[in-house]
């Protein structure tokens, strides 16, 4: 639970409002992971267990914005997908993604997190940005995608020592690769 709290503080410093939302869970054959389809959110991803859901109000007047967070606390790795509708119209995908990326970097610096790496990425048909940060012994790998007027943040929090564990790294890669 401490790892989740640290991940949350590293990623968000906003007021939480608990909320229930339905998704479709499909059991995968041959292992314990599930394929989670969030129809309203417009994404599908594999989680090691059914995620819980909360809303985070990230409004900055005059723009109202809510982040919708799906989290799986599969100890010792935390898996999370966050999405928000992009209130900026008309949508200028590259500029808007860069603005959200810069905002994330600013938040990480505010909570004394060290930025380890940054890079452009491609996942399936989607272009995005990845930032890896560190606070104490926790590593957060955070991927941002702007798809159909929604900003998606797909992230993992993992102990630094677990980055040397090939099995845990394969689980992280499986999670990232499954996001569509």
Protein backbone atom coordinates (compact mmCIF):
# COMPACT_ATOMS: atom_id res chain seq x y z
CA UNK A 1 0.00 0.00 0.00
CA UNK A 2 2.94 2.29 0.72
CA UNK A 3 4.13 1.82 -2.85
CA UNK A 4 0.73 2.84 -4.20
CA UNK A 5 0.69 5.94 -2.01
CA UNK A 6 4.15 6.93 -3.22
CA UNK A 7 3.16 6.29 -6.85
CA UNK A 8 0.05 8.37 -6.38
CA UNK A 9 2.00 11.26 -4.84
CA UNK A 10 4.55 11.11 -7.62
CA UNK A 11 1.91 11.15 -10.30
CA UNK A 12 -0.94 13.22 -8.89
CA UNK A 13 -1.42 15.80 -6.16
CA UNK A 14 -5.11 16.31 -6.55
CA UNK A 15 -8.32 15.70 -4.56
CA UNK A 16 -9.75 12.19 -4.95
CA UNK A 17 -13.40 11.34 -5.30
CA UNK A 18 -14.29 7.65 -5.15
CA UNK A 19 -16.62 6.50 -7.90
CA UNK A 20 -17.79 3.19 -9.30
CA UNK A 21 -17.57 2.35 -12.98
CA UNK A 22 -18.15 -0.87 -14.84
CA UNK A 23 -15.70 -2.50 -17.20
CA UNK A 24 -15.74 -5.86 -18.88
CA UNK A 25 -13.39 -8.50 -17.52
CA UNK A 26 -12.35 -11.38 -19.74
CA UNK A 27 -10.29 -14.19 -18.20
CA UNK A 28 -7.25 -15.10 -20.28
CA UNK A 29 -6.33 -18.73 -20.80
CA UNK A 30 -3.16 -20.24 -19.29
CA UNK A 31 -2.51 -17.55 -16.66
CA UNK A 32 -4.14 -15.31 -14.09
CA UNK A 33 -4.09 -12.01 -16.02
CA UNK A 34 -7.35 -10.50 -17.25
CA UNK A 35 -8.17 -8.52 -20.35
CA UNK A 36 -9.94 -5.41 -19.05
CA UNK A 37 -12.12 -3.50 -21.50
CA UNK A 38 -13.14 -0.01 -20.35
CA UNK A 39 -15.78 0.72 -22.98
CA UNK A 40 -16.61 4.29 -21.95
CA UNK A 41 -12.92 5.12 -21.57
CA UNK A 42 -12.12 3.63 -24.97
CA UNK A 43 -9.23 1.35 -24.04
CA UNK A 44 -8.35 -2.28 -23.44
CA UNK A 45 -5.42 -3.50 -21.36
CA UNK A 46 -4.29 -6.62 -19.52
CA UNK A 47 -4.12 -6.34 -15.73
CA UNK A 48 -2.95 -9.02 -13.27
CA UNK A 49 -6.26 -8.48 -11.41
CA UNK A 50 -9.46 -6.46 -11.80
CA UNK A 51 -8.54 -2.79 -11.28
CA UNK A 52 -10.31 -0.42 -8.95
CA UNK A 53 -11.53 2.92 -10.25
CA UNK A 54 -11.43 6.50 -8.89
CA UNK A 55 -11.90 10.00 -10.29
CA UNK A 56 -9.42 12.83 -9.74
CA UNK A 57 -10.56 16.42 -10.26
CA UNK A 58 -7.76 18.20 -12.16
CA UNK A 59 -9.71 21.30 -13.10
CA UNK A 60 -7.86 24.57 -13.57
CA UNK A 61 -10.40 27.37 -14.02
CA UNK A 62 -11.85 28.02 -16.45
CA UNK A 63 -11.18 24.50 -17.80
CA UNK A 64 -12.94 21.61 -16.06
CA UNK A 65 -11.11 18.32 -16.29
CA UNK A 66 -11.39 14.96 -14.53
CA UNK A 67 -8.85 12.15 -14.62
CA UNK A 68 -10.31 8.65 -14.47
CA UNK A 69 -7.89 6.19 -12.84
CA UNK A 70 -7.87 2.38 -13.17
CA UNK A 71 -5.37 0.83 -10.76
CA UNK A 72 -4.18 -2.71 -10.05
CA UNK A 73 -2.06 -3.17 -6.94
CA UNK A 74 -0.42 -6.44 -7.92
CA UNK A 75 2.27 -6.41 -5.27
CA UNK A 76 5.07 -5.51 -5.77
CA UNK A 77 4.17 -3.79 -9.06
CA UNK A 78 1.48 -1.10 -9.41
CA UNK A 79 -0.23 -0.87 -12.81
CA UNK A 80 -2.36 2.16 -13.71
CA UNK A 81 -4.24 3.63 -16.67
CA UNK A 82 -5.47 7.21 -16.38
CA UNK A 83 -7.51 8.98 -19.02
CA UNK A 84 -9.13 12.37 -19.36
CA UNK A 85 -11.10 14.01 -22.12
CA UNK A 86 -8.96 16.71 -23.67
CA UNK A 87 -10.84 20.01 -23.26
CA UNK A 88 -8.73 21.88 -25.83
CA UNK A 89 -10.46 22.35 -29.17
CA UNK A 90 -9.60 22.24 -31.94
CA UNK A 91 -7.31 19.38 -31.10
CA UNK A 92 -3.67 19.98 -31.98
CA UNK A 93 -2.36 16.56 -31.06
CA UNK A 94 1.39 17.18 -30.87
CA UNK A 95 1.16 20.52 -29.06
CA UNK A 96 -1.44 19.23 -26.59
CA UNK A 97 0.57 16.08 -25.83
CA UNK A 98 3.69 18.19 -25.26
CA UNK A 99 1.78 20.49 -22.89
CA UNK A 100 0.50 17.53 -20.85
CA UNK A 101 3.97 15.98 -20.88
CA UNK A 102 5.51 19.23 -19.60
CA UNK A 103 2.85 19.41 -16.86
CA UNK A 104 3.72 15.84 -15.76
CA UNK A 105 7.44 16.69 -15.66
CA UNK A 106 6.69 19.78 -13.57
CA UNK A 107 4.66 17.69 -11.09
CA UNK A 108 7.46 15.14 -10.81
CA UNK A 109 9.98 17.86 -10.01
CA UNK A 110 7.60 19.36 -7.42
CA UNK A 111 7.54 16.09 -5.49
CA UNK A 112 11.35 15.77 -5.67
CA UNK A 113 11.33 12.95 -8.20
CA UNK A 114 14.42 12.54 -10.36
CA UNK A 115 13.73 12.24 -14.09
CA UNK A 116 15.88 9.36 -15.38
CA UNK A 117 14.89 9.26 -19.04
CA UNK A 118 12.52 10.73 -21.62
CA UNK A 119 11.76 9.51 -25.12
CA UNK A 120 9.24 9.43 -27.96
CA UNK A 121 7.56 6.03 -28.32
CA UNK A 122 5.22 4.18 -30.66
CA UNK A 123 2.75 1.61 -29.33
CA UNK A 124 0.72 -0.09 -32.04
CA UNK A 125 -0.66 2.77 -34.14
CA UNK A 126 -0.16 5.39 -31.42
CA UNK A 127 2.67 7.85 -31.00
CA UNK A 128 3.42 8.96 -27.47
CA UNK A 129 6.00 10.05 -24.93
CA UNK A 130 7.59 8.09 -22.10
CA UNK A 131 9.17 9.45 -18.96
CA UNK A 132 10.91 7.34 -16.33
CA UNK A 133 11.38 8.84 -12.89
CA UNK A 134 12.74 7.81 -9.51
CA UNK A 135 11.93 8.75 -5.94
CA UNK A 136 13.87 6.90 -3.25
CA UNK A 137 13.80 3.25 -4.39
CA UNK A 138 10.66 3.49 -6.54
CA UNK A 139 10.79 3.74 -10.35
CA UNK A 140 7.76 5.04 -12.28
CA UNK A 141 7.55 4.43 -16.02
CA UNK A 142 4.89 6.72 -17.43
CA UNK A 143 3.62 6.68 -21.03
CA UNK A 144 1.38 9.42 -22.45
CA UNK A 145 -0.81 9.04 -25.56
CA UNK A 146 -3.31 11.47 -27.07
CA UNK A 147 -5.92 9.40 -28.93
CA UNK A 148 -9.28 10.60 -30.26
CA UNK A 149 -9.43 13.64 -27.98
CA UNK A 150 -8.53 11.62 -24.88
CA UNK A 151 -5.25 11.81 -23.00
CA UNK A 152 -4.13 8.38 -21.79
CA UNK A 153 -1.45 7.86 -19.17
CA UNK A 154 -0.29 4.25 -18.89
CA UNK A 155 2.13 3.72 -16.02
CA UNK A 156 3.89 1.23 -13.82
CA UNK A 157 5.51 1.71 -10.43
CA UNK A 158 8.17 -0.82 -9.44
CA UNK A 159 10.95 -1.16 -6.86
CA UNK A 160 14.30 -0.28 -8.35
CA UNK A 161 15.74 -3.64 -7.31
CA UNK A 162 13.00 -5.41 -9.32
CA UNK A 163 14.30 -3.86 -12.54
CA UNK A 164 16.97 -6.56 -12.44
CA UNK A 165 14.33 -9.32 -12.27
CA UNK A 166 13.71 -10.64 -15.79
CA UNK A 167 10.29 -12.10 -14.90
CA UNK A 168 9.02 -8.81 -13.45
CA UNK A 169 10.35 -6.88 -16.45
CA UNK A 170 8.44 -9.24 -18.76
CA UNK A 171 5.25 -8.56 -16.76
CA UNK A 172 5.78 -4.81 -17.15
CA UNK A 173 6.39 -5.19 -20.89
CA UNK A 174 3.32 -7.42 -21.24
CA UNK A 175 1.19 -4.73 -19.58
CA UNK A 176 2.54 -1.92 -21.78
CA UNK A 177 2.22 -4.02 -24.96
CA UNK A 178 -1.41 -4.91 -24.17
CA UNK A 179 -2.69 -1.30 -24.12
CA UNK A 180 -4.96 -0.59 -27.10
